[in-house]
Amino acid sequence: MFDTPVTVSMIKIYNYSKTPNRGAREIEIYVDDLKVYMGSLRQAPPSPGVTRLGKVQQGVEFGQPILFTLNPAQVEVHEKRKVVYCGSEDQDVLCINEGQVVIESKAMHRAPDPGAEGVVVDLDKRPTTAMCRT
């Protein structure tokens, strides 16, 4: 794409907003066939236009920056603009350090989904449904 080496410190992405649910959710960025970023994008707000009440909506600046820097000052500047690092809500993460569970996941306390791949159901513990004739 470029004839000479170029340094990129930020890429700003504008998600599709004509119908917000059709925008991109997960993206990957490759440079020289190497994956340098994999993450998710927030859903874009609806496009500005005329509301039901006949009022014109103001456009919303919704570019989502992806930073490629180790400079804390640059990160702070963008944090003030509400940069979201992990989506709109925090992920439920299980932390294990040297074989010991440090932070438990909420999923540890739920019954396994019998429809999920790899989940084995003990048939001896299932209730019987047969009727005996007398």
N, C-alpha and C. Protein backbone atom coordinates (compact mmCIF):
# COMPACT_ATOMS: atom_id res chain seq x y z
N MET A 1 0.83 -1.18 0.00
CA MET A 1 0.00 0.00 0.00
C MET A 1 0.88 1.26 0.00
N PHE A 2 1.92 1.27 0.84
CA PHE A 2 2.83 2.41 0.87
C PHE A 2 4.16 2.00 0.27
N ASP A 3 4.84 2.95 -0.39
CA ASP A 3 6.14 2.67 -1.00
C ASP A 3 7.27 2.69 0.02
N THR A 4 7.08 3.43 1.09
CA THR A 4 8.12 3.54 2.13
C THR A 4 7.51 3.14 3.47
N PRO A 5 8.35 2.79 4.46
CA PRO A 5 7.80 2.43 5.78
C PRO A 5 7.00 3.59 6.39
N VAL A 6 5.90 3.26 7.00
CA VAL A 6 5.01 4.24 7.60
C VAL A 6 4.68 3.79 9.02
N THR A 7 4.61 4.74 9.95
CA THR A 7 4.23 4.45 11.33
C THR A 7 2.78 4.85 11.52
N VAL A 8 1.99 3.93 12.05
CA VAL A 8 0.58 4.20 12.32
C VAL A 8 0.39 4.14 13.83
N SER A 9 -0.12 5.23 14.41
CA SER A 9 -0.33 5.25 15.85
C SER A 9 -1.79 5.09 16.23
N MET A 10 -2.69 5.37 15.28
CA MET A 10 -4.11 5.25 15.58
C MET A 10 -4.88 5.03 14.28
N ILE A 11 -5.90 4.20 14.38
CA ILE A 11 -6.86 4.03 13.28
C ILE A 11 -8.22 4.32 13.89
N LYS A 12 -9.00 5.16 13.22
CA LYS A 12 -10.34 5.48 13.72
C LYS A 12 -11.35 4.83 12.78
N ILE A 13 -12.27 4.06 13.36
CA ILE A 13 -13.25 3.32 12.57
C ILE A 13 -14.64 3.87 12.86
N TYR A 14 -15.39 4.06 11.79
CA TYR A 14 -16.77 4.51 11.89
C TYR A 14 -17.65 3.33 11.50
N ASN A 15 -18.41 2.81 12.42
CA ASN A 15 -19.25 1.65 12.15
C ASN A 15 -20.44 2.06 11.30
N TYR A 16 -21.03 1.10 10.59
CA TYR A 16 -22.18 1.32 9.73
C TYR A 16 -23.35 1.80 10.56
N SER A 17 -24.05 2.85 10.11
CA SER A 17 -25.10 3.39 10.96
C SER A 17 -26.45 3.57 10.27
N LYS A 18 -26.58 3.17 9.01
CA LYS A 18 -27.89 3.31 8.38
C LYS A 18 -28.90 2.45 9.14
N THR A 19 -28.54 1.21 9.37
CA THR A 19 -29.28 0.35 10.29
C THR A 19 -28.23 -0.23 11.24
N PRO A 20 -28.13 0.29 12.47
CA PRO A 20 -27.03 -0.03 13.38
C PRO A 20 -26.79 -1.52 13.63
N ASN A 21 -27.85 -2.34 13.58
CA ASN A 21 -27.65 -3.77 13.86
C ASN A 21 -26.96 -4.49 12.70
N ARG A 22 -26.72 -3.83 11.57
CA ARG A 22 -26.02 -4.45 10.46
C ARG A 22 -24.54 -4.08 10.42
N GLY A 23 -24.06 -3.32 11.35
CA GLY A 23 -22.65 -2.92 11.37
C GLY A 23 -21.74 -4.08 11.75
N ALA A 24 -20.44 -3.81 11.71
CA ALA A 24 -19.45 -4.82 12.09
C ALA A 24 -19.41 -4.96 13.61
N ARG A 25 -19.18 -6.16 14.09
CA ARG A 25 -19.04 -6.36 15.53
C ARG A 25 -17.62 -6.74 15.87
N GLU A 26 -17.10 -7.76 15.23
CA GLU A 26 -15.73 -8.21 15.47
C GLU A 26 -14.88 -7.83 14.26
N ILE A 27 -13.69 -7.27 14.51
CA ILE A 27 -12.81 -6.90 13.40
C ILE A 27 -11.40 -7.40 13.67
N GLU A 28 -10.65 -7.53 12.60
CA GLU A 28 -9.23 -7.87 12.67
C GLU A 28 -8.49 -6.94 11.73
N ILE A 29 -7.30 -6.49 12.16
CA ILE A 29 -6.46 -5.63 11.32
C ILE A 29 -5.15 -6.35 11.09
N TYR A 30 -4.78 -6.48 9.83
CA TYR A 30 -3.54 -7.14 9.45
C TYR A 30 -2.59 -6.13 8.82
N VAL A 31 -1.31 -6.25 9.12
CA VAL A 31 -0.25 -5.45 8.49
C VAL A 31 0.81 -6.43 8.03
N ASP A 32 1.14 -6.40 6.74
CA ASP A 32 2.12 -7.33 6.17
C ASP A 32 1.80 -8.78 6.53
N ASP A 33 0.54 -9.14 6.39
CA ASP A 33 0.05 -10.50 6.66
C ASP A 33 0.18 -10.92 8.12
N LEU A 34 0.37 -9.98 9.04
CA LEU A 34 0.42 -10.27 10.47
C LEU A 34 -0.76 -9.60 11.16
N LYS A 35 -1.47 -10.35 12.01
CA LYS A 35 -2.59 -9.77 12.75
C LYS A 35 -2.03 -8.86 13.83
N VAL A 36 -2.39 -7.56 13.77
CA VAL A 36 -1.92 -6.61 14.78
C VAL A 36 -3.04 -6.19 15.72
N TYR A 37 -4.28 -6.49 15.37
CA TYR A 37 -5.40 -6.12 16.23
C TYR A 37 -6.57 -7.06 15.97
N MET A 38 -7.21 -7.47 17.05
CA MET A 38 -8.46 -8.22 16.96
C MET A 38 -9.34 -7.72 18.09
N GLY A 39 -10.52 -7.25 17.78
CA GLY A 39 -11.38 -6.72 18.82
C GLY A 39 -12.79 -6.50 18.32
N SER A 40 -13.57 -5.82 19.13
CA SER A 40 -14.97 -5.60 18.79
C SER A 40 -15.26 -4.11 18.69
N LEU A 41 -16.31 -3.80 17.94
CA LEU A 41 -16.76 -2.42 17.77
C LEU A 41 -18.11 -2.27 18.44
N ARG A 42 -18.35 -1.09 18.97
CA ARG A 42 -19.67 -0.79 19.52
C ARG A 42 -20.65 -0.56 18.38
N GLN A 43 -21.92 -0.76 18.67
CA GLN A 43 -22.95 -0.51 17.67
C GLN A 43 -23.07 0.99 17.47
N ALA A 44 -23.20 1.42 16.23
CA ALA A 44 -23.32 2.84 15.92
C ALA A 44 -24.71 3.34 16.29
N PRO A 45 -24.81 4.62 16.67
CA PRO A 45 -26.14 5.17 16.93
C PRO A 45 -26.87 5.33 15.60
N PRO A 46 -28.19 5.49 15.64
CA PRO A 46 -28.93 5.68 14.38
C PRO A 46 -28.45 6.92 13.65
N SER A 47 -28.58 6.90 12.33
CA SER A 47 -28.18 8.05 11.52
C SER A 47 -29.03 9.25 11.87
N PRO A 48 -28.44 10.46 11.79
CA PRO A 48 -29.25 11.65 12.05
C PRO A 48 -30.30 11.78 10.95
N GLY A 49 -31.45 12.25 11.32
CA GLY A 49 -32.53 12.40 10.35
C GLY A 49 -33.71 13.03 11.03
N VAL A 50 -34.86 12.89 10.45
CA VAL A 50 -36.07 13.48 10.99
C VAL A 50 -36.71 12.49 11.96
N THR A 51 -37.03 12.96 13.15
CA THR A 51 -37.68 12.11 14.15
C THR A 51 -39.19 12.09 13.90
N ARG A 52 -39.90 11.32 14.71
CA ARG A 52 -41.36 11.26 14.58
C ARG A 52 -42.00 12.61 14.83
N LEU A 53 -41.36 13.41 15.66
CA LEU A 53 -41.93 14.71 16.00
C LEU A 53 -41.56 15.78 14.98
N GLY A 54 -40.86 15.42 13.91
CA GLY A 54 -40.51 16.37 12.87
C GLY A 54 -39.26 17.17 13.16
N LYS A 55 -38.55 16.86 14.24
CA LYS A 55 -37.32 17.58 14.57
C LYS A 55 -36.14 16.89 13.91
N VAL A 56 -35.15 17.66 13.48
CA VAL A 56 -33.94 17.10 12.88
C VAL A 56 -32.95 16.78 13.99
N GLN A 57 -32.44 15.54 14.00
CA GLN A 57 -31.47 15.14 15.01
C GLN A 57 -30.08 15.65 14.63
N GLN A 58 -29.27 15.90 15.63
CA GLN A 58 -27.89 16.29 15.41
C GLN A 58 -27.04 15.05 15.18
N GLY A 59 -26.05 15.15 14.31
CA GLY A 59 -25.13 14.04 14.07
C GLY A 59 -24.27 13.77 15.29
N VAL A 60 -23.91 12.52 15.50
CA VAL A 60 -23.09 12.13 16.65
C VAL A 60 -21.72 11.70 16.13
N GLU A 61 -20.65 12.23 16.73
CA GLU A 61 -19.28 11.83 16.36
C GLU A 61 -19.05 10.48 17.01
N PHE A 62 -18.98 9.45 16.19
CA PHE A 62 -18.92 8.10 16.75
C PHE A 62 -17.72 7.31 16.24
N GLY A 63 -16.65 7.98 15.86
CA GLY A 63 -15.45 7.26 15.46
C GLY A 63 -14.86 6.54 16.66
N GLN A 64 -14.44 5.29 16.46
CA GLN A 64 -13.87 4.50 17.55
C GLN A 64 -12.38 4.32 17.28
N PRO A 65 -11.53 4.94 18.11
CA PRO A 65 -10.08 4.85 17.86
C PRO A 65 -9.49 3.53 18.33
N ILE A 66 -8.54 3.03 17.55
CA ILE A 66 -7.72 1.89 17.94
C ILE A 66 -6.31 2.42 18.02
N LEU A 67 -5.72 2.40 19.23
CA LEU A 67 -4.41 2.99 19.45
C LEU A 67 -3.31 1.94 19.36
N PHE A 68 -2.21 2.32 18.70
CA PHE A 68 -1.01 1.49 18.63
C PHE A 68 0.12 2.30 19.26
N THR A 69 0.14 2.35 20.59
CA THR A 69 1.14 3.16 21.27
C THR A 69 1.42 2.59 22.66
N LEU A 70 2.60 2.87 23.15
CA LEU A 70 2.95 2.54 24.54
C LEU A 70 3.04 3.81 25.37
N ASN A 71 2.70 4.95 24.77
CA ASN A 71 2.79 6.24 25.42
C ASN A 71 1.55 6.47 26.29
N PRO A 72 1.71 6.49 27.63
CA PRO A 72 0.56 6.67 28.52
C PRO A 72 -0.17 7.99 28.30
N ALA A 73 0.54 9.04 27.90
CA ALA A 73 -0.10 10.33 27.68
C ALA A 73 -1.10 10.25 26.53
N GLN A 74 -0.75 9.54 25.47
CA GLN A 74 -1.66 9.38 24.33
C GLN A 74 -2.91 8.61 24.74
N VAL A 75 -2.72 7.59 25.55
CA VAL A 75 -3.86 6.79 25.99
C VAL A 75 -4.78 7.64 26.86
N GLU A 76 -4.21 8.46 27.74
CA GLU A 76 -5.01 9.32 28.61
C GLU A 76 -5.86 10.29 27.81
N VAL A 77 -5.30 10.85 26.75
CA VAL A 77 -6.05 11.80 25.91
C VAL A 77 -7.29 11.12 25.36
N HIS A 78 -7.15 9.89 24.91
CA HIS A 78 -8.28 9.19 24.32
C HIS A 78 -9.21 8.60 25.37
N GLU A 79 -8.72 8.32 26.57
CA GLU A 79 -9.59 7.83 27.64
C GLU A 79 -10.62 8.89 28.00
N LYS A 80 -10.23 10.16 27.93
CA LYS A 80 -11.15 11.24 28.23
C LYS A 80 -12.28 11.28 27.20
N ARG A 81 -12.05 10.71 26.03
CA ARG A 81 -13.08 10.65 24.99
C ARG A 81 -13.87 9.35 25.07
N LYS A 82 -13.79 8.69 26.18
CA LYS A 82 -14.55 7.47 26.46
C LYS A 82 -14.17 6.33 25.52
N VAL A 83 -12.90 6.01 25.49
CA VAL A 83 -12.44 4.86 24.73
C VAL A 83 -12.91 3.61 25.47
N VAL A 84 -13.49 2.66 24.76
CA VAL A 84 -13.95 1.42 25.35
C VAL A 84 -12.99 0.32 24.93
N TYR A 85 -12.36 -0.32 25.90
CA TYR A 85 -11.38 -1.35 25.60
C TYR A 85 -11.99 -2.73 25.48
N CYS A 86 -13.07 -3.01 26.17
CA CYS A 86 -13.62 -4.38 26.16
C CYS A 86 -15.10 -4.40 25.86
N GLY A 87 -15.57 -3.48 25.06
CA GLY A 87 -16.98 -3.48 24.72
C GLY A 87 -17.80 -2.69 25.72
N SER A 88 -19.08 -2.84 25.64
CA SER A 88 -19.96 -2.04 26.49
C SER A 88 -20.10 -2.62 27.90
N GLU A 89 -19.71 -3.85 28.10
CA GLU A 89 -19.76 -4.44 29.44
C GLU A 89 -18.53 -5.31 29.65
N ASP A 90 -18.17 -5.49 30.91
CA ASP A 90 -17.00 -6.31 31.23
C ASP A 90 -17.29 -7.78 30.96
N GLN A 91 -16.25 -8.48 30.59
CA GLN A 91 -16.38 -9.91 30.36
C GLN A 91 -16.24 -10.66 31.67
N ASP A 92 -16.86 -11.82 31.74
CA ASP A 92 -16.74 -12.71 32.89
C ASP A 92 -15.52 -13.58 32.64
N VAL A 93 -14.49 -13.42 33.45
CA VAL A 93 -13.21 -14.09 33.21
C VAL A 93 -12.84 -14.96 34.40
N LEU A 94 -12.35 -16.15 34.11
CA LEU A 94 -11.82 -17.06 35.13
C LEU A 94 -10.31 -16.89 35.14
N CYS A 95 -9.73 -16.53 36.28
CA CYS A 95 -8.28 -16.34 36.39
C CYS A 95 -7.67 -17.50 37.16
N ILE A 96 -6.70 -18.16 36.54
CA ILE A 96 -5.99 -19.28 37.17
C ILE A 96 -4.52 -18.95 37.18
N ASN A 97 -3.89 -19.00 38.36
CA ASN A 97 -2.47 -18.71 38.50
C ASN A 97 -1.79 -19.95 39.08
N GLU A 98 -0.92 -20.57 38.32
CA GLU A 98 -0.19 -21.76 38.73
C GLU A 98 -1.13 -22.83 39.29
N GLY A 99 -2.21 -23.09 38.56
CA GLY A 99 -3.14 -24.15 38.93
C GLY A 99 -4.14 -23.78 40.00
N GLN A 100 -4.07 -22.58 40.55
CA GLN A 100 -5.01 -22.14 41.59
C GLN A 100 -5.96 -21.11 41.01
N VAL A 101 -7.26 -21.28 41.28
CA VAL A 101 -8.26 -20.31 40.82
C VAL A 101 -8.13 -19.06 41.67
N VAL A 102 -7.81 -17.94 41.03
CA VAL A 102 -7.65 -16.66 41.73
C VAL A 102 -8.96 -15.90 41.74
N ILE A 103 -9.61 -15.81 40.58
CA ILE A 103 -10.91 -15.15 40.46
C ILE A 103 -11.86 -16.13 39.79
N GLU A 104 -12.99 -16.39 40.44
CA GLU A 104 -13.94 -17.36 39.90
C GLU A 104 -14.80 -16.72 38.82
N SER A 105 -15.19 -17.53 37.87
CA SER A 105 -16.11 -17.12 36.81
C SER A 105 -17.53 -17.42 37.26
N LYS A 106 -18.48 -16.61 36.82
CA LYS A 106 -19.88 -16.86 37.14
C LYS A 106 -20.33 -18.20 36.55
N ALA A 107 -19.74 -18.58 35.43
CA ALA A 107 -20.11 -19.82 34.77
C ALA A 107 -19.77 -21.05 35.61
N MET A 108 -18.85 -20.91 36.56
CA MET A 108 -18.47 -22.05 37.41
C MET A 108 -19.64 -22.49 38.29
N HIS A 109 -20.57 -21.59 38.56
CA HIS A 109 -21.66 -21.88 39.47
C HIS A 109 -22.96 -22.23 38.76
N ARG A 110 -22.93 -22.29 37.42
CA ARG A 110 -24.11 -22.67 36.65
C ARG A 110 -24.02 -24.14 36.28
N ALA A 111 -25.16 -24.77 36.13
CA ALA A 111 -25.19 -26.17 35.67
C ALA A 111 -24.74 -26.20 34.21
N PRO A 112 -24.00 -27.22 33.81
CA PRO A 112 -23.55 -27.29 32.42
C PRO A 112 -24.73 -27.43 31.46
N ASP A 113 -24.59 -26.85 30.29
CA ASP A 113 -25.61 -26.93 29.25
C ASP A 113 -25.52 -28.30 28.59
N PRO A 114 -26.54 -29.15 28.74
CA PRO A 114 -26.44 -30.49 28.17
C PRO A 114 -26.38 -30.49 26.65
N GLY A 115 -26.78 -29.40 26.02
CA GLY A 115 -26.72 -29.32 24.56
C GLY A 115 -25.37 -28.89 24.04
N ALA A 116 -24.47 -28.46 24.92
CA ALA A 116 -23.16 -27.98 24.48
C ALA A 116 -22.25 -29.16 24.13
N GLU A 117 -21.38 -28.93 23.18
CA GLU A 117 -20.45 -29.97 22.76
C GLU A 117 -19.50 -30.31 23.91
N GLY A 118 -19.27 -31.59 24.12
CA GLY A 118 -18.34 -32.03 25.15
C GLY A 118 -18.97 -32.26 26.51
N VAL A 119 -20.23 -31.86 26.70
CA VAL A 119 -20.91 -32.08 27.98
C VAL A 119 -21.51 -33.48 27.97
N VAL A 120 -21.11 -34.29 28.92
CA VAL A 120 -21.60 -35.67 29.01
C VAL A 120 -22.66 -35.74 30.09
N VAL A 121 -23.81 -36.28 29.74
CA VAL A 121 -24.91 -36.40 30.69
C VAL A 121 -24.91 -37.82 31.24
N ASP A 122 -24.95 -37.94 32.57
CA ASP A 122 -25.01 -39.24 33.22
C ASP A 122 -26.44 -39.75 33.14
N LEU A 123 -26.68 -40.76 32.30
CA LEU A 123 -28.03 -41.26 32.08
C LEU A 123 -28.62 -41.92 33.32
N ASP A 124 -27.78 -42.40 34.24
CA ASP A 124 -28.29 -43.01 35.47
C ASP A 124 -28.96 -42.00 36.38
N LYS A 125 -28.62 -40.73 36.24
CA LYS A 125 -29.20 -39.69 37.10
C LYS A 125 -30.46 -39.09 36.49
N ARG A 126 -30.78 -39.47 35.26
CA ARG A 126 -31.99 -38.95 34.61
C ARG A 126 -33.22 -39.65 35.16
N PRO A 127 -34.32 -38.95 35.27
CA PRO A 127 -35.55 -39.61 35.74
C PRO A 127 -36.06 -40.57 34.66
N THR A 128 -36.67 -41.64 35.10
CA THR A 128 -37.22 -42.59 34.14
C THR A 128 -38.60 -42.11 33.73
N THR A 129 -38.97 -42.43 32.50
CA THR A 129 -40.27 -41.99 31.99
C THR A 129 -41.16 -43.16 31.61
N ALA A 130 -40.68 -44.38 31.83
CA ALA A 130 -41.46 -45.56 31.45
C ALA A 130 -42.50 -45.87 32.52
N MET A 131 -43.60 -46.43 32.07
CA MET A 131 -44.65 -46.87 33.00
C MET A 131 -44.69 -48.38 33.01
N CYS A 132 -44.91 -48.96 34.14
CA CYS A 132 -45.02 -50.41 34.25
C CYS A 132 -46.49 -50.81 34.18
N ARG A 133 -46.78 -51.84 33.40
CA ARG A 133 -48.16 -52.34 33.33
C ARG A 133 -48.37 -53.37 34.44
N THR A 134 -49.50 -53.33 35.00
CA THR A 134 -49.80 -54.32 36.04
C THR A 134 -50.88 -55.27 35.62
